[in-house]
Amino acid sequence: MLRRLLELKNYTSFRFAERLQDNGILPSMGSVGDSYDNALMENFWSTLKIELVYRTSWRTRDEAENAIFAYIDGWYNTRRIQKELDDLSPDEYETAWHHQHTSQTEPDSVTPAPTGSR
């Protein structure tokens, strides 16, 4: 399974594109048949292999699958510094964005609303 997962390289196959089209989904990857069609995924697999697979050995397939899942979900997507995000990780960027937008919309002091007459 791990070997097959790491060797899978046909990310924008015609069948995949047809399935997306059948479900009304536009692909977010490059077009099929040019030099850019696999560039993003090739870069991802290369990084995963260099940073995880070649540095680690596992006793079982489950250990390997769990490590790859943890890498993708816990490290690669949330903590990795991104140049496009001003050299912040996605988590740091999102936190800064929320802090900036909530501090602009919240008043400095909270005044209770009048209760009206009884």
PDB file of N, CA and C in Angstrom:
ATOM      1  N   MET A   1       0.822  -1.195   0.000  1.00  0.00           N
ATOM      2  CA  MET A   1       0.000   0.000   0.000  1.00  0.00           C
ATOM      3  C   MET A   1       0.871   1.266   0.000  1.00  0.00           C
ATOM      4  N   LEU A   2       1.861   1.323   0.901  1.00  0.00           N
ATOM      5  CA  LEU A   2       2.730   2.496   0.978  1.00  0.00           C
ATOM      6  C   LEU A   2       3.483   2.691  -0.329  1.00  0.00           C
ATOM      7  N   ARG A   3       4.021   1.602  -0.856  1.00  0.00           N
ATOM      8  CA  ARG A   3       4.779   1.706  -2.110  1.00  0.00           C
ATOM      9  C   ARG A   3       3.877   2.189  -3.238  1.00  0.00           C
ATOM     10  N   ARG A   4       2.689   1.622  -3.311  1.00  0.00           N
ATOM     11  CA  ARG A   4       1.728   2.036  -4.348  1.00  0.00           C
ATOM     12  C   ARG A   4       1.350   3.500  -4.156  1.00  0.00           C
ATOM     13  N   LEU A   5       1.144   3.898  -2.928  1.00  0.00           N
ATOM     14  CA  LEU A   5       0.795   5.283  -2.629  1.00  0.00           C
ATOM     15  C   LEU A   5       1.885   6.240  -3.088  1.00  0.00           C
ATOM     16  N   LEU A   6       3.139   5.886  -2.821  1.00  0.00           N
ATOM     17  CA  LEU A   6       4.244   6.767  -3.181  1.00  0.00           C
ATOM     18  C   LEU A   6       4.558   6.754  -4.668  1.00  0.00           C
ATOM     19  N   GLU A   7       4.178   5.691  -5.363  1.00  0.00           N
ATOM     20  CA  GLU A   7       4.476   5.602  -6.785  1.00  0.00           C
ATOM     21  C   GLU A   7       3.342   6.094  -7.667  1.00  0.00           C
ATOM     22  N   LEU A   8       2.187   6.368  -7.074  1.00  0.00           N
ATOM     23  CA  LEU A   8       1.045   6.840  -7.849  1.00  0.00           C
ATOM     24  C   LEU A   8       1.327   8.226  -8.394  1.00  0.00           C
ATOM     25  N   LYS A   9       1.312   8.370  -9.715  1.00  0.00           N
ATOM     26  CA  LYS A   9       1.711   9.653 -10.289  1.00  0.00           C
ATOM     27  C   LYS A   9       0.747  10.195 -11.336  1.00  0.00           C
ATOM     28  N   ASN A  10      -0.309   9.511 -11.628  1.00  0.00           N
ATOM     29  CA  ASN A  10      -1.198   9.984 -12.680  1.00  0.00           C
ATOM     30  C   ASN A  10      -2.338  10.785 -12.057  1.00  0.00           C
ATOM     31  N   TYR A  11      -2.034  11.988 -11.578  1.00  0.00           N
ATOM     32  CA  TYR A  11      -2.987  12.766 -10.787  1.00  0.00           C
ATOM     33  C   TYR A  11      -4.084  13.403 -11.610  1.00  0.00           C
ATOM     34  N   THR A  12      -3.825  13.719 -12.829  1.00  0.00           N
ATOM     35  CA  THR A  12      -4.825  14.385 -13.657  1.00  0.00           C
ATOM     36  C   THR A  12      -5.208  13.503 -14.837  1.00  0.00           C
ATOM     37  N   SER A  13      -5.466  12.267 -14.561  1.00  0.00           N
ATOM     38  CA  SER A  13      -5.824  11.339 -15.629  1.00  0.00           C
ATOM     39  C   SER A  13      -7.157  11.736 -16.254  1.00  0.00           C
ATOM     40  N   PHE A  14      -7.369  11.264 -17.463  1.00  0.00           N
ATOM     41  CA  PHE A  14      -8.609  11.575 -18.154  1.00  0.00           C
ATOM     42  C   PHE A  14      -9.810  11.024 -17.401  1.00  0.00           C
ATOM     43  N   ARG A  15      -9.683   9.838 -16.824  1.00  0.00           N
ATOM     44  CA  ARG A  15     -10.796   9.248 -16.083  1.00  0.00           C
ATOM     45  C   ARG A  15     -11.142  10.096 -14.855  1.00  0.00           C
ATOM     46  N   PHE A  16     -10.114  10.582 -14.168  1.00  0.00           N
ATOM     47  CA  PHE A  16     -10.321  11.446 -13.012  1.00  0.00           C
ATOM     48  C   PHE A  16     -11.030  12.734 -13.443  1.00  0.00           C
ATOM     49  N   ALA A  17     -10.572  13.324 -14.552  1.00  0.00           N
ATOM     50  CA  ALA A  17     -11.184  14.546 -15.067  1.00  0.00           C
ATOM     51  C   ALA A  17     -12.642  14.302 -15.450  1.00  0.00           C
ATOM     52  N   GLU A  18     -12.924  13.151 -16.051  1.00  0.00           N
ATOM     53  CA  GLU A  18     -14.298  12.814 -16.410  1.00  0.00           C
ATOM     54  C   GLU A  18     -15.170  12.684 -15.173  1.00  0.00           C
ATOM     55  N   ARG A  19     -14.640  12.067 -14.139  1.00  0.00           N
ATOM     56  CA  ARG A  19     -15.400  11.901 -12.887  1.00  0.00           C
ATOM     57  C   ARG A  19     -15.708  13.260 -12.253  1.00  0.00           C
ATOM     58  N   LEU A  20     -14.725  14.149 -12.266  1.00  0.00           N
ATOM     59  CA  LEU A  20     -14.965  15.498 -11.753  1.00  0.00           C
ATOM     60  C   LEU A  20     -16.075  16.173 -12.551  1.00  0.00           C
ATOM     61  N   GLN A  21     -15.972  16.091 -13.875  1.00  0.00           N
ATOM     62  CA  GLN A  21     -16.959  16.727 -14.744  1.00  0.00           C
ATOM     63  C   GLN A  21     -18.344  16.137 -14.505  1.00  0.00           C
ATOM     64  N   ASP A  22     -18.443  14.820 -14.362  1.00  0.00           N
ATOM     65  CA  ASP A  22     -19.725  14.164 -14.107  1.00  0.00           C
ATOM     66  C   ASP A  22     -20.389  14.663 -12.824  1.00  0.00           C
ATOM     67  N   ASN A  23     -19.569  15.097 -11.870  1.00  0.00           N
ATOM     68  CA  ASN A  23     -20.088  15.575 -10.593  1.00  0.00           C
ATOM     69  C   ASN A  23     -20.132  17.095 -10.502  1.00  0.00           C
ATOM     70  N   GLY A  24     -19.894  17.776 -11.626  1.00  0.00           N
ATOM     71  CA  GLY A  24     -19.973  19.227 -11.659  1.00  0.00           C
ATOM     72  C   GLY A  24     -18.854  19.924 -10.916  1.00  0.00           C
ATOM     73  N   ILE A  25     -17.677  19.295 -10.843  1.00  0.00           N
ATOM     74  CA  ILE A  25     -16.545  19.858 -10.115  1.00  0.00           C
ATOM     75  C   ILE A  25     -15.484  20.305 -11.110  1.00  0.00           C
ATOM     76  N   LEU A  26     -14.980  21.522 -10.918  1.00  0.00           N
ATOM     77  CA  LEU A  26     -13.886  22.012 -11.749  1.00  0.00           C
ATOM     78  C   LEU A  26     -12.564  21.611 -11.116  1.00  0.00           C
ATOM     79  N   PRO A  27     -11.633  21.057 -11.886  1.00  0.00           N
ATOM     80  CA  PRO A  27     -10.348  20.679 -11.302  1.00  0.00           C
ATOM     81  C   PRO A  27      -9.537  21.909 -10.930  1.00  0.00           C
ATOM     82  N   SER A  28      -8.787  21.810  -9.833  1.00  0.00           N
ATOM     83  CA  SER A  28      -7.966  22.937  -9.410  1.00  0.00           C
ATOM     84  C   SER A  28      -6.506  22.730  -9.783  1.00  0.00           C
ATOM     85  N   MET A  29      -6.219  21.642 -10.468  1.00  0.00           N
ATOM     86  CA  MET A  29      -4.845  21.350 -10.884  1.00  0.00           C
ATOM     87  C   MET A  29      -4.620  21.860 -12.302  1.00  0.00           C
ATOM     88  N   GLY A  30      -3.397  21.749 -12.743  1.00  0.00           N
ATOM     89  CA  GLY A  30      -3.049  22.173 -14.096  1.00  0.00           C
ATOM     90  C   GLY A  30      -3.763  21.349 -15.144  1.00  0.00           C
ATOM     91  N   SER A  31      -3.658  21.775 -16.358  1.00  0.00           N
ATOM     92  CA  SER A  31      -4.309  21.066 -17.452  1.00  0.00           C
ATOM     93  C   SER A  31      -3.577  19.764 -17.760  1.00  0.00           C
ATOM     94  N   VAL A  32      -4.268  18.874 -18.418  1.00  0.00           N
ATOM     95  CA  VAL A  32      -3.718  17.565 -18.756  1.00  0.00           C
ATOM     96  C   VAL A  32      -2.863  17.671 -20.008  1.00  0.00           C
ATOM     97  N   GLY A  33      -1.701  17.027 -19.985  1.00  0.00           N
ATOM     98  CA  GLY A  33      -0.900  16.918 -21.180  1.00  0.00           C
ATOM     99  C   GLY A  33       0.190  17.953 -21.346  1.00  0.00           C
ATOM    100  N   ASP A  34       0.277  18.917 -20.462  1.00  0.00           N
ATOM    101  CA  ASP A  34       1.375  19.872 -20.577  1.00  0.00           C
ATOM    102  C   ASP A  34       2.386  19.632 -19.461  1.00  0.00           C
ATOM    103  N   SER A  35       3.419  20.427 -19.437  1.00  0.00           N
ATOM    104  CA  SER A  35       4.498  20.186 -18.486  1.00  0.00           C
ATOM    105  C   SER A  35       4.127  20.545 -17.055  1.00  0.00           C
ATOM    106  N   TYR A  36       2.979  21.172 -16.852  1.00  0.00           N
ATOM    107  CA  TYR A  36       2.591  21.587 -15.507  1.00  0.00           C
ATOM    108  C   TYR A  36       1.561  20.670 -14.856  1.00  0.00           C
ATOM    109  N   ASP A  37       1.111  19.638 -15.540  1.00  0.00           N
ATOM    110  CA  ASP A  37      -0.021  18.871 -15.029  1.00  0.00           C
ATOM    111  C   ASP A  37       0.272  18.156 -13.711  1.00  0.00           C
ATOM    112  N   ASN A  38       1.485  17.746 -13.446  1.00  0.00           N
ATOM    113  CA  ASN A  38       1.793  17.044 -12.210  1.00  0.00           C
ATOM    114  C   ASN A  38       2.768  17.799 -11.309  1.00  0.00           C
ATOM    115  N   ALA A  39       3.119  19.006 -11.647  1.00  0.00           N
ATOM    116  CA  ALA A  39       4.174  19.713 -10.928  1.00  0.00           C
ATOM    117  C   ALA A  39       3.882  19.865  -9.445  1.00  0.00           C
ATOM    118  N   LEU A  40       2.681  20.243  -9.094  1.00  0.00           N
ATOM    119  CA  LEU A  40       2.347  20.449  -7.687  1.00  0.00           C
ATOM    120  C   LEU A  40       2.439  19.152  -6.893  1.00  0.00           C
ATOM    121  N   MET A  41       1.867  18.090  -7.403  1.00  0.00           N
ATOM    122  CA  MET A  41       1.886  16.824  -6.675  1.00  0.00           C
ATOM    123  C   MET A  41       3.275  16.198  -6.675  1.00  0.00           C
ATOM    124  N   GLU A  42       4.016  16.346  -7.749  1.00  0.00           N
ATOM    125  CA  GLU A  42       5.388  15.829  -7.770  1.00  0.00           C
ATOM    126  C   GLU A  42       6.218  16.505  -6.686  1.00  0.00           C
ATOM    127  N   ASN A  43       6.028  17.808  -6.519  1.00  0.00           N
ATOM    128  CA  ASN A  43       6.745  18.537  -5.480  1.00  0.00           C
ATOM    129  C   ASN A  43       6.340  18.037  -4.103  1.00  0.00           C
ATOM    130  N   PHE A  44       5.051  17.811  -3.906  1.00  0.00           N
ATOM    131  CA  PHE A  44       4.568  17.309  -2.619  1.00  0.00           C
ATOM    132  C   PHE A  44       5.165  15.942  -2.298  1.00  0.00           C
ATOM    133  N   TRP A  45       5.092  14.999  -3.253  1.00  0.00           N
ATOM    134  CA  TRP A  45       5.618  13.656  -3.002  1.00  0.00           C
ATOM    135  C   TRP A  45       7.121  13.690  -2.755  1.00  0.00           C
ATOM    136  N   SER A  46       7.822  14.532  -3.472  1.00  0.00           N
ATOM    137  CA  SER A  46       9.258  14.658  -3.261  1.00  0.00           C
ATOM    138  C   SER A  46       9.560  15.127  -1.845  1.00  0.00           C
ATOM    139  N   THR A  47       8.838  16.140  -1.390  1.00  0.00           N
ATOM    140  CA  THR A  47       9.031  16.656  -0.037  1.00  0.00           C
ATOM    141  C   THR A  47       8.702  15.596   1.003  1.00  0.00           C
ATOM    142  N   LEU A  48       7.595  14.895   0.823  1.00  0.00           N
ATOM    143  CA  LEU A  48       7.199  13.849   1.768  1.00  0.00           C
ATOM    144  C   LEU A  48       8.262  12.753   1.848  1.00  0.00           C
ATOM    145  N   LYS A  49       8.778  12.345   0.720  1.00  0.00           N
ATOM    146  CA  LYS A  49       9.805  11.305   0.713  1.00  0.00           C
ATOM    147  C   LYS A  49      11.078  11.774   1.408  1.00  0.00           C
ATOM    148  N   ILE A  50      11.535  12.981   1.085  1.00  0.00           N
ATOM    149  CA  ILE A  50      12.788  13.491   1.655  1.00  0.00           C
ATOM    150  C   ILE A  50      12.655  13.717   3.157  1.00  0.00           C
ATOM    151  N   GLU A  51      11.549  14.333   3.585  1.00  0.00           N
ATOM    152  CA  GLU A  51      11.413  14.713   4.987  1.00  0.00           C
ATOM    153  C   GLU A  51      10.894  13.599   5.883  1.00  0.00           C
ATOM    154  N   LEU A  52      10.253  12.583   5.332  1.00  0.00           N
ATOM    155  CA  LEU A  52       9.673  11.538   6.179  1.00  0.00           C
ATOM    156  C   LEU A  52      10.119  10.130   5.791  1.00  0.00           C
ATOM    157  N   VAL A  53       9.841   9.740   4.582  1.00  0.00           N
ATOM    158  CA  VAL A  53      10.012   8.340   4.187  1.00  0.00           C
ATOM    159  C   VAL A  53      11.474   7.899   4.230  1.00  0.00           C
ATOM    160  N   TYR A  54      12.374   8.683   3.668  1.00  0.00           N
ATOM    161  CA  TYR A  54      13.778   8.280   3.613  1.00  0.00           C
ATOM    162  C   TYR A  54      14.480   8.372   4.967  1.00  0.00           C
ATOM    163  N   ARG A  55      13.879   9.062   5.920  1.00  0.00           N
ATOM    164  CA  ARG A  55      14.490   9.237   7.243  1.00  0.00           C
ATOM    165  C   ARG A  55      13.955   8.277   8.287  1.00  0.00           C
ATOM    166  N   THR A  56      12.959   7.471   7.943  1.00  0.00           N
ATOM    167  CA  THR A  56      12.255   6.668   8.929  1.00  0.00           C
ATOM    168  C   THR A  56      12.054   5.252   8.429  1.00  0.00           C
ATOM    169  N   SER A  57      12.037   4.323   9.347  1.00  0.00           N
ATOM    170  CA  SER A  57      11.610   2.958   9.015  1.00  0.00           C
ATOM    171  C   SER A  57      10.535   2.560  10.018  1.00  0.00           C
ATOM    172  N   TRP A  58       9.585   1.796   9.555  1.00  0.00           N
ATOM    173  CA  TRP A  58       8.454   1.398  10.386  1.00  0.00           C
ATOM    174  C   TRP A  58       8.398  -0.116  10.478  1.00  0.00           C
ATOM    175  N   ARG A  59       7.869  -0.599  11.585  1.00  0.00           N
ATOM    176  CA  ARG A  59       7.743  -2.047  11.778  1.00  0.00           C
ATOM    177  C   ARG A  59       6.541  -2.620  11.051  1.00  0.00           C
ATOM    178  N   THR A  60       5.474  -1.819  10.939  1.00  0.00           N
ATOM    179  CA  THR A  60       4.258  -2.323  10.293  1.00  0.00           C
ATOM    180  C   THR A  60       3.749  -1.322   9.272  1.00  0.00           C
ATOM    181  N   ARG A  61       2.896  -1.803   8.417  1.00  0.00           N
ATOM    182  CA  ARG A  61       2.255  -0.945   7.424  1.00  0.00           C
ATOM    183  C   ARG A  61       1.369   0.085   8.108  1.00  0.00           C
ATOM    184  N   ASP A  62       0.679  -0.319   9.187  1.00  0.00           N
ATOM    185  CA  ASP A  62      -0.162   0.629   9.913  1.00  0.00           C
ATOM    186  C   ASP A  62       0.656   1.785  10.479  1.00  0.00           C
ATOM    187  N   GLU A  63       1.836   1.491  11.008  1.00  0.00           N
ATOM    188  CA  GLU A  63       2.706   2.558  11.515  1.00  0.00           C
ATOM    189  C   GLU A  63       3.082   3.530  10.395  1.00  0.00           C
ATOM    190  N   ALA A  64       3.394   2.996   9.233  1.00  0.00           N
ATOM    191  CA  ALA A  64       3.760   3.839   8.099  1.00  0.00           C
ATOM    192  C   ALA A  64       2.582   4.707   7.660  1.00  0.00           C
ATOM    193  N   GLU A  65       1.411   4.104   7.533  1.00  0.00           N
ATOM    194  CA  GLU A  65       0.228   4.858   7.115  1.00  0.00           C
ATOM    195  C   GLU A  65      -0.116   5.945   8.132  1.00  0.00           C
ATOM    196  N   ASN A  66      -0.023   5.623   9.414  1.00  0.00           N
ATOM    197  CA  ASN A  66      -0.311   6.619  10.451  1.00  0.00           C
ATOM    198  C   ASN A  66       0.706   7.753  10.428  1.00  0.00           C
ATOM    199  N   ALA A  67       1.969   7.434  10.182  1.00  0.00           N
ATOM    200  CA  ALA A  67       3.005   8.466  10.112  1.00  0.00           C
ATOM    201  C   ALA A  67       2.778   9.382   8.919  1.00  0.00           C
ATOM    202  N   ILE A  68       2.415   8.807   7.787  1.00  0.00           N
ATOM    203  CA  ILE A  68       2.154   9.619   6.600  1.00  0.00           C
ATOM    204  C   ILE A  68       0.928  10.496   6.822  1.00  0.00           C
ATOM    205  N   PHE A  69      -0.113   9.939   7.417  1.00  0.00           N
ATOM    206  CA  PHE A  69      -1.299  10.743   7.718  1.00  0.00           C
ATOM    207  C   PHE A  69      -0.950  11.892   8.658  1.00  0.00           C
ATOM    208  N   ALA A  70      -0.201  11.595   9.714  1.00  0.00           N
ATOM    209  CA  ALA A  70       0.188  12.638  10.666  1.00  0.00           C
ATOM    210  C   ALA A  70       1.026  13.716   9.994  1.00  0.00           C
ATOM    211  N   TYR A  71       1.901  13.321   9.087  1.00  0.00           N
ATOM    212  CA  TYR A  71       2.734  14.285   8.359  1.00  0.00           C
ATOM    213  C   TYR A  71       1.862  15.200   7.499  1.00  0.00           C
ATOM    214  N   ILE A  72       0.986  14.601   6.727  1.00  0.00           N
ATOM    215  CA  ILE A  72       0.159  15.380   5.815  1.00  0.00           C
ATOM    216  C   ILE A  72      -0.805  16.269   6.586  1.00  0.00           C
ATOM    217  N   ASP A  73      -1.518  15.704   7.531  1.00  0.00           N
ATOM    218  CA  ASP A  73      -2.562  16.454   8.238  1.00  0.00           C
ATOM    219  C   ASP A  73      -2.002  17.361   9.324  1.00  0.00           C
ATOM    220  N   GLY A  74      -1.009  16.890  10.047  1.00  0.00           N
ATOM    221  CA  GLY A  74      -0.531  17.633  11.195  1.00  0.00           C
ATOM    222  C   GLY A  74       0.652  18.529  10.958  1.00  0.00           C
ATOM    223  N   TRP A  75       1.499  18.200  10.014  1.00  0.00           N
ATOM    224  CA  TRP A  75       2.701  19.002   9.794  1.00  0.00           C
ATOM    225  C   TRP A  75       2.618  19.773   8.490  1.00  0.00           C
ATOM    226  N   TYR A  76       2.466  19.072   7.400  1.00  0.00           N
ATOM    227  CA  TYR A  76       2.586  19.702   6.092  1.00  0.00           C
ATOM    228  C   TYR A  76       1.541  20.806   5.907  1.00  0.00           C
ATOM    229  N   ASN A  77       0.311  20.530   6.310  1.00  0.00           N
ATOM    230  CA  ASN A  77      -0.747  21.486   6.052  1.00  0.00           C
ATOM    231  C   ASN A  77      -0.833  22.619   7.062  1.00  0.00           C
ATOM    232  N   THR A  78      -0.478  22.388   8.308  1.00  0.00           N
ATOM    233  CA  THR A  78      -0.771  23.390   9.329  1.00  0.00           C
ATOM    234  C   THR A  78       0.440  24.115   9.888  1.00  0.00           C
ATOM    235  N   ARG A  79       1.595  23.472   9.935  1.00  0.00           N
ATOM    236  CA  ARG A  79       2.743  24.084  10.590  1.00  0.00           C
ATOM    237  C   ARG A  79       3.847  24.528   9.639  1.00  0.00           C
ATOM    238  N   ARG A  80       3.788  24.101   8.415  1.00  0.00           N
ATOM    239  CA  ARG A  80       4.850  24.419   7.462  1.00  0.00           C
ATOM    240  C   ARG A  80       4.802  25.900   7.096  1.00  0.00           C
ATOM    241  N   ILE A  81       5.939  26.567   7.184  1.00  0.00           N
ATOM    242  CA  ILE A  81       6.028  27.974   6.830  1.00  0.00           C
ATOM    243  C   ILE A  81       5.829  28.114   5.328  1.00  0.00           C
ATOM    244  N   GLN A  82       4.994  29.061   4.948  1.00  0.00           N
ATOM    245  CA  GLN A  82       4.663  29.281   3.548  1.00  0.00           C
ATOM    246  C   GLN A  82       5.119  30.671   3.106  1.00  0.00           C
ATOM    247  N   LYS A  83       5.872  30.746   2.040  1.00  0.00           N
ATOM    248  CA  LYS A  83       6.333  32.033   1.524  1.00  0.00           C
ATOM    249  C   LYS A  83       5.147  32.926   1.153  1.00  0.00           C
ATOM    250  N   GLU A  84       4.122  32.332   0.557  1.00  0.00           N
ATOM    251  CA  GLU A  84       2.950  33.085   0.123  1.00  0.00           C
ATOM    252  C   GLU A  84       2.150  33.638   1.301  1.00  0.00           C
ATOM    253  N   LEU A  85       2.384  33.129   2.501  1.00  0.00           N
ATOM    254  CA  LEU A  85       1.684  33.596   3.700  1.00  0.00           C
ATOM    255  C   LEU A  85       2.595  34.454   4.566  1.00  0.00           C
ATOM    256  N   ASP A  86       3.471  35.208   3.923  1.00  0.00           N
ATOM    257  CA  ASP A  86       4.412  36.091   4.628  1.00  0.00           C
ATOM    258  C   ASP A  86       5.299  35.321   5.598  1.00  0.00           C
ATOM    259  N   ASP A  87       5.765  34.160   5.178  1.00  0.00           N
ATOM    260  CA  ASP A  87       6.651  33.303   5.974  1.00  0.00           C
ATOM    261  C   ASP A  87       6.027  32.880   7.298  1.00  0.00           C
ATOM    262  N   LEU A  88       4.726  32.674   7.284  1.00  0.00           N
ATOM    263  CA  LEU A  88       4.006  32.141   8.447  1.00  0.00           C
ATOM    264  C   LEU A  88       3.454  30.773   8.068  1.00  0.00           C
ATOM    265  N   SER A  89       3.144  29.974   9.075  1.00  0.00           N
ATOM    266  CA  SER A  89       2.448  28.715   8.811  1.00  0.00           C
ATOM    267  C   SER A  89       0.969  29.036   8.589  1.00  0.00           C
ATOM    268  N   PRO A  90       0.220  28.134   7.976  1.00  0.00           N
ATOM    269  CA  PRO A  90      -1.218  28.388   7.813  1.00  0.00           C
ATOM    270  C   PRO A  90      -1.918  28.667   9.148  1.00  0.00           C
ATOM    271  N   ASP A  91      -1.563  27.947  10.214  1.00  0.00           N
ATOM    272  CA  ASP A  91      -2.167  28.201  11.524  1.00  0.00           C
ATOM    273  C   ASP A  91      -1.837  29.603  12.024  1.00  0.00           C
ATOM    274  N   GLU A  92      -0.572  30.002  11.902  1.00  0.00           N
ATOM    275  CA  GLU A  92      -0.163  31.335  12.359  1.00  0.00           C
ATOM    276  C   GLU A  92      -0.833  32.431  11.535  1.00  0.00           C
ATOM    277  N   TYR A  93      -0.916  32.224  10.226  1.00  0.00           N
ATOM    278  CA  TYR A  93      -1.544  33.201   9.342  1.00  0.00           C
ATOM    279  C   TYR A  93      -3.023  33.359   9.678  1.00  0.00           C
ATOM    280  N   GLU A  94      -3.706  32.243   9.876  1.00  0.00           N
ATOM    281  CA  GLU A  94      -5.131  32.289  10.196  1.00  0.00           C
ATOM    282  C   GLU A  94      -5.373  32.967  11.540  1.00  0.00           C
ATOM    283  N   THR A  95      -4.548  32.654  12.531  1.00  0.00           N
ATOM    284  CA  THR A  95      -4.672  33.294  13.840  1.00  0.00           C
ATOM    285  C   THR A  95      -4.460  34.794  13.738  1.00  0.00           C
ATOM    286  N   ALA A  96      -3.428  35.210  12.997  1.00  0.00           N
ATOM    287  CA  ALA A  96      -3.161  36.641  12.812  1.00  0.00           C
ATOM    288  C   ALA A  96      -4.303  37.316  12.069  1.00  0.00           C
ATOM    289  N   TRP A  97      -4.844  36.662  11.073  1.00  0.00           N
ATOM    290  CA  TRP A  97      -5.957  37.230  10.300  1.00  0.00           C
ATOM    291  C   TRP A  97      -7.166  37.436  11.196  1.00  0.00           C
ATOM    292  N   HIS A  98      -7.511  36.410  11.989  1.00  0.00           N
ATOM    293  CA  HIS A  98      -8.667  36.529  12.893  1.00  0.00           C
ATOM    294  C   HIS A  98      -8.428  37.606  13.941  1.00  0.00           C
ATOM    295  N   HIS A  99      -7.216  37.672  14.464  1.00  0.00           N
ATOM    296  CA  HIS A  99      -6.905  38.684  15.473  1.00  0.00           C
ATOM    297  C   HIS A  99      -7.050  40.088  14.886  1.00  0.00           C
ATOM    298  N   GLN A 100      -6.544  40.274  13.669  1.00  0.00           N
ATOM    299  CA  GLN A 100      -6.618  41.571  13.016  1.00  0.00           C
ATOM    300  C   GLN A 100      -8.062  41.968  12.748  1.00  0.00           C
ATOM    301  N   HIS A 101      -8.871  41.034  12.263  1.00  0.00           N
ATOM    302  CA  HIS A 101     -10.240  41.368  11.888  1.00  0.00           C
ATOM    303  C   HIS A 101     -11.165  41.488  13.091  1.00  0.00           C
ATOM    304  N   THR A 102     -10.945  40.729  14.133  1.00  0.00           N
ATOM    305  CA  THR A 102     -11.812  40.854  15.309  1.00  0.00           C
ATOM    306  C   THR A 102     -11.446  42.085  16.118  1.00  0.00           C
ATOM    307  N   SER A 103     -10.175  42.472  16.162  1.00  0.00           N
ATOM    308  CA  SER A 103      -9.783  43.662  16.918  1.00  0.00           C
ATOM    309  C   SER A 103     -10.270  44.926  16.225  1.00  0.00           C
ATOM    310  N   GLN A 104     -10.483  44.888  14.917  1.00  0.00           N
ATOM    311  CA  GLN A 104     -10.980  46.056  14.193  1.00  0.00           C
ATOM    312  C   GLN A 104     -12.482  46.232  14.370  1.00  0.00           C
ATOM    313  N   THR A 105     -13.200  45.149  14.593  1.00  0.00           N
ATOM    314  CA  THR A 105     -14.656  45.238  14.662  1.00  0.00           C
ATOM    315  C   THR A 105     -15.176  45.321  16.088  1.00  0.00           C
ATOM    316  N   GLU A 106     -14.390  44.917  17.081  1.00  0.00           N
ATOM    317  CA  GLU A 106     -14.840  44.971  18.462  1.00  0.00           C
ATOM    318  C   GLU A 106     -14.526  46.334  19.055  1.00  0.00           C
ATOM    319  N   PRO A 107     -15.481  46.912  19.816  1.00  0.00           N
ATOM    320  CA  PRO A 107     -15.205  48.189  20.466  1.00  0.00           C
ATOM    321  C   PRO A 107     -14.189  48.015  21.586  1.00  0.00           C
ATOM    322  N   ASP A 108     -13.491  49.133  21.926  1.00  0.00           N
ATOM    323  CA  ASP A 108     -12.488  49.087  22.979  1.00  0.00           C
ATOM    324  C   ASP A 108     -13.108  48.789  24.336  1.00  0.00           C
ATOM    325  N   SER A 109     -14.256  49.348  24.603  1.00  0.00           N
ATOM    326  CA  SER A 109     -14.933  49.078  25.870  1.00  0.00           C
ATOM    327  C   SER A 109     -16.343  48.621  25.575  1.00  0.00           C
ATOM    328  N   VAL A 110     -16.841  47.785  26.420  1.00  0.00           N
ATOM    329  CA  VAL A 110     -18.177  47.238  26.227  1.00  0.00           C
ATOM    330  C   VAL A 110     -19.137  47.995  27.134  1.00  0.00           C
ATOM    331  N   THR A 111     -20.132  48.630  26.538  1.00  0.00           N
ATOM    332  CA  THR A 111     -21.150  49.350  27.284  1.00  0.00           C
ATOM    333  C   THR A 111     -22.412  48.520  27.256  1.00  0.00           C
ATOM    334  N   PRO A 112     -22.969  48.220  28.431  1.00  0.00           N
ATOM    335  CA  PRO A 112     -24.192  47.413  28.429  1.00  0.00           C
ATOM    336  C   PRO A 112     -25.351  48.157  27.782  1.00  0.00           C
ATOM    337  N   ALA A 113     -26.193  47.415  27.134  1.00  0.00           N
ATOM    338  CA  ALA A 113     -27.366  47.998  26.505  1.00  0.00           C
ATOM    339  C   ALA A 113     -28.356  48.425  27.582  1.00  0.00           C
ATOM    340  N   PRO A 114     -29.094  49.507  27.348  1.00  0.00           N
ATOM    341  CA  PRO A 114     -30.074  49.930  28.351  1.00  0.00           C
ATOM    342  C   PRO A 114     -31.147  48.856  28.537  1.00  0.00           C
ATOM    343  N   THR A 115     -31.585  48.733  29.772  1.00  0.00           N
ATOM    344  CA  THR A 115     -32.579  47.687  30.086  1.00  0.00           C
ATOM    345  C   THR A 115     -33.993  48.136  29.859  1.00  0.00           C
ATOM    346  N   GLY A 116     -34.222  49.415  29.712  1.00  0.00           N
ATOM    347  CA  GLY A 116     -35.570  49.925  29.489  1.00  0.00           C
ATOM    348  C   GLY A 116     -36.309  50.115  30.803  1.00  0.00           C
ATOM    349  N   SER A 117     -37.541  50.570  30.734  1.00  0.00           N
ATOM    350  CA  SER A 117     -38.314  50.805  31.962  1.00  0.00           C
ATOM    351  C   SER A 117     -39.097  49.567  32.321  1.00  0.00           C
ATOM    352  N   ARG A 118     -39.399  49.464  33.639  1.00  0.00           N
ATOM    353  CA  ARG A 118     -40.162  48.291  34.088  1.00  0.00           C
ATOM    354  C   ARG A 118     -41.478  48.689  34.608  1.00  0.00           C
TER     355      ARG A 118
END
